[in-house]
């Protein structure tokens, strides 16, 4: 079995419902949820003239290889109403593969670890909640260290 960290997020429609449905679909299709972070409300990154996002990190045990996992995730996004328009546009649901075991992979359409983890507080905060000692396989730093060094100052607020 493989362990993968996924980031879910969205800012259109009923954000809580979309997050709940994505989590259920990930568990049903991709594998068993081992850990689930709290929900975080986060300021939009990149394209700032839109509503705040909800974000959450899931640790999933999956039999799928990375390409199978990506295909499944894209299908879950589509089922959840995701419409791909412009980069960083509002969306009902977005699911990113952050890490897959300790794999380093860089192919067209799939980079693992996600290349911008260290630059985004909305990724690091929920990831730190469930796995502060995980070591980034490229940067060689723990999630805790990456969070301390992160220069991103956008608002990230834990919900509940």
Protein backbone atom coordinates (compact mmCIF):
# COMPACT_ATOMS: atom_id res chain seq x y z
CA UNK A 1 0.00 0.00 0.00
CA UNK A 2 1.06 3.53 -0.73
CA UNK A 3 0.58 6.62 1.38
CA UNK A 4 -0.32 9.88 -0.28
CA UNK A 5 -1.05 13.33 1.08
CA UNK A 6 -3.84 15.13 -0.77
CA UNK A 7 -4.91 18.76 -0.48
CA UNK A 8 -8.59 19.46 -1.05
CA UNK A 9 -10.01 22.93 -1.46
CA UNK A 10 -12.78 24.98 -2.98
CA UNK A 11 -14.51 28.33 -2.85
CA UNK A 12 -17.67 28.06 -4.96
CA UNK A 13 -21.15 27.04 -3.87
CA UNK A 14 -21.63 25.18 -0.59
CA UNK A 15 -17.95 24.88 0.32
CA UNK A 16 -18.57 22.56 3.29
CA UNK A 17 -20.72 20.20 1.24
CA UNK A 18 -18.20 20.08 -1.62
CA UNK A 19 -15.38 19.30 0.82
CA UNK A 20 -17.45 16.57 2.52
CA UNK A 21 -18.39 15.00 -0.83
CA UNK A 22 -14.79 15.08 -2.08
CA UNK A 23 -13.55 13.44 1.13
CA UNK A 24 -16.20 10.70 0.83
CA UNK A 25 -15.40 10.12 -2.85
CA UNK A 26 -11.66 9.96 -2.16
CA UNK A 27 -12.27 7.35 0.53
CA UNK A 28 -14.66 5.38 -1.70
CA UNK A 29 -12.50 5.48 -4.85
CA UNK A 30 -8.87 6.07 -3.84
CA UNK A 31 -8.37 4.36 -0.51
CA UNK A 32 -8.61 4.49 3.25
CA UNK A 33 -8.30 7.82 5.07
CA UNK A 34 -5.56 7.51 7.68
CA UNK A 35 -5.60 11.13 8.88
CA UNK A 36 -7.71 14.19 8.16
CA UNK A 37 -6.72 17.73 9.10
CA UNK A 38 -9.14 20.32 10.36
CA UNK A 39 -10.77 22.57 7.81
CA UNK A 40 -8.97 25.85 7.19
CA UNK A 41 -10.42 29.00 5.69
CA UNK A 42 -7.83 30.61 3.50
CA UNK A 43 -7.46 33.77 1.49
CA UNK A 44 -7.27 33.14 -2.27
CA UNK A 45 -3.77 32.71 -3.64
CA UNK A 46 -2.76 34.18 -6.98
CA UNK A 47 -6.12 35.50 -8.20
CA UNK A 48 -7.27 37.45 -5.15
CA UNK A 49 -10.59 38.89 -6.40
CA UNK A 50 -12.64 35.89 -5.29
CA UNK A 51 -14.14 34.28 -2.20
CA UNK A 52 -12.04 32.62 0.50
CA UNK A 53 -11.31 28.91 0.18
CA UNK A 54 -11.79 26.00 2.50
CA UNK A 55 -8.78 23.68 2.52
CA UNK A 56 -7.99 20.35 4.14
CA UNK A 57 -5.19 17.79 3.94
CA UNK A 58 -5.91 14.06 3.86
CA UNK A 59 -3.45 11.22 4.37
CA UNK A 60 -4.72 8.34 2.24
CA UNK A 61 -3.57 4.74 2.01
CA UNK A 62 -4.05 3.73 -1.62
CA UNK A 63 -3.32 0.73 -3.85
CA UNK A 64 -3.20 3.08 -6.85
CA UNK A 65 -0.02 4.17 -8.59
CA UNK A 66 0.44 7.94 -9.07
CA UNK A 67 -1.08 8.05 -12.57
CA UNK A 68 -4.12 6.01 -11.53
CA UNK A 69 -4.52 8.28 -8.50
CA UNK A 70 -4.37 11.42 -10.66
CA UNK A 71 -6.98 9.99 -13.04
CA UNK A 72 -9.27 9.16 -10.10
CA UNK A 73 -8.80 12.62 -8.57
CA UNK A 74 -9.63 14.36 -11.84
CA UNK A 75 -12.82 12.26 -12.10
CA UNK A 76 -13.77 13.20 -8.51
CA UNK A 77 -13.22 16.89 -9.32
CA UNK A 78 -15.38 16.62 -12.43
CA UNK A 79 -18.11 14.80 -10.48
CA UNK A 80 -17.93 17.62 -7.91
CA UNK A 81 -18.66 20.24 -10.55
CA UNK A 82 -15.10 21.43 -11.23
CA UNK A 83 -14.89 23.52 -14.39
CA UNK A 84 -11.36 24.30 -15.56
CA UNK A 85 -11.21 27.81 -16.97
CA UNK A 86 -8.33 30.17 -16.14
CA UNK A 87 -5.48 29.44 -13.73
CA UNK A 88 -6.38 30.05 -10.04
CA UNK A 89 -10.04 30.67 -10.91
CA UNK A 90 -12.82 29.98 -8.39
CA UNK A 91 -13.79 26.30 -8.20
CA UNK A 92 -16.13 23.93 -6.41
CA UNK A 93 -13.37 21.47 -5.62
CA UNK A 94 -9.67 21.11 -6.28
CA UNK A 95 -7.60 18.10 -5.25
CA UNK A 96 -3.80 18.11 -5.42
CA UNK A 97 -1.34 15.31 -4.80
CA UNK A 98 1.17 16.79 -2.35
CA UNK A 99 3.28 13.70 -1.66
CA UNK A 100 3.15 10.05 -2.72
CA UNK A 101 5.29 7.95 -0.38
CA UNK A 102 8.71 9.63 -0.77
CA UNK A 103 8.52 9.56 -4.56
CA UNK A 104 10.07 12.28 -6.70
CA UNK A 105 8.41 12.43 -10.12
CA UNK A 106 8.37 15.17 -12.75
CA UNK A 107 6.34 14.35 -15.84
CA UNK A 108 4.04 16.44 -18.02
CA UNK A 109 0.84 16.89 -16.02
CA UNK A 110 2.17 15.29 -12.82
CA UNK A 111 4.85 16.56 -10.46
CA UNK A 112 5.35 14.87 -7.09
CA UNK A 113 5.98 16.35 -4.62
CA UNK A 114 3.75 19.25 -5.58
CA UNK A 115 6.23 21.94 -6.65
CA UNK A 116 4.79 24.82 -4.59
CA UNK A 117 4.25 23.22 -1.17
CA UNK A 118 6.94 25.28 0.54
CA UNK A 119 5.54 28.58 -0.81
CA UNK A 120 1.94 28.20 0.33
CA UNK A 121 0.82 28.60 3.92
CA UNK A 122 -2.65 27.21 3.06
CA UNK A 123 -0.93 23.90 2.25
CA UNK A 124 1.59 23.89 5.08
CA UNK A 125 -0.80 24.72 7.97
CA UNK A 126 -3.13 21.70 7.55
CA UNK A 127 -0.20 19.47 6.53
CA UNK A 128 1.66 20.52 9.67
CA UNK A 129 -1.39 19.68 11.81
CA UNK A 130 -1.32 16.00 10.80
CA UNK A 131 2.32 15.41 9.87
CA UNK A 132 4.79 18.03 11.16
CA UNK A 133 7.75 15.62 11.03
CA UNK A 134 7.26 14.42 7.45
CA UNK A 135 10.43 15.20 5.48
CA UNK A 136 10.03 16.76 2.03
CA UNK A 137 11.91 14.33 -0.26
CA UNK A 138 13.42 17.07 -2.42
CA UNK A 139 14.02 19.89 0.07
CA UNK A 140 15.13 17.59 2.90
CA UNK A 141 13.22 19.64 5.49
CA UNK A 142 10.34 18.72 7.77
CA UNK A 143 6.93 20.25 7.26
CA UNK A 144 7.47 22.03 10.59
CA UNK A 145 10.67 23.66 9.28
CA UNK A 146 9.02 24.59 5.95
CA UNK A 147 6.16 26.26 7.81
CA UNK A 148 8.59 28.25 9.96
CA UNK A 149 10.45 29.39 6.83
CA UNK A 150 7.36 30.09 4.69
CA UNK A 151 7.23 33.70 3.48
CA UNK A 152 3.55 33.52 2.43
CA UNK A 153 1.57 35.85 4.70
CA UNK A 154 -1.96 35.17 3.37
CA UNK A 155 -4.55 34.52 6.04
CA UNK A 156 -5.07 30.86 7.01
CA UNK A 157 -7.61 30.29 9.79
CA UNK A 158 -8.41 26.94 11.40
CA UNK A 159 -12.17 26.29 11.50
CA UNK A 160 -13.64 24.77 14.67
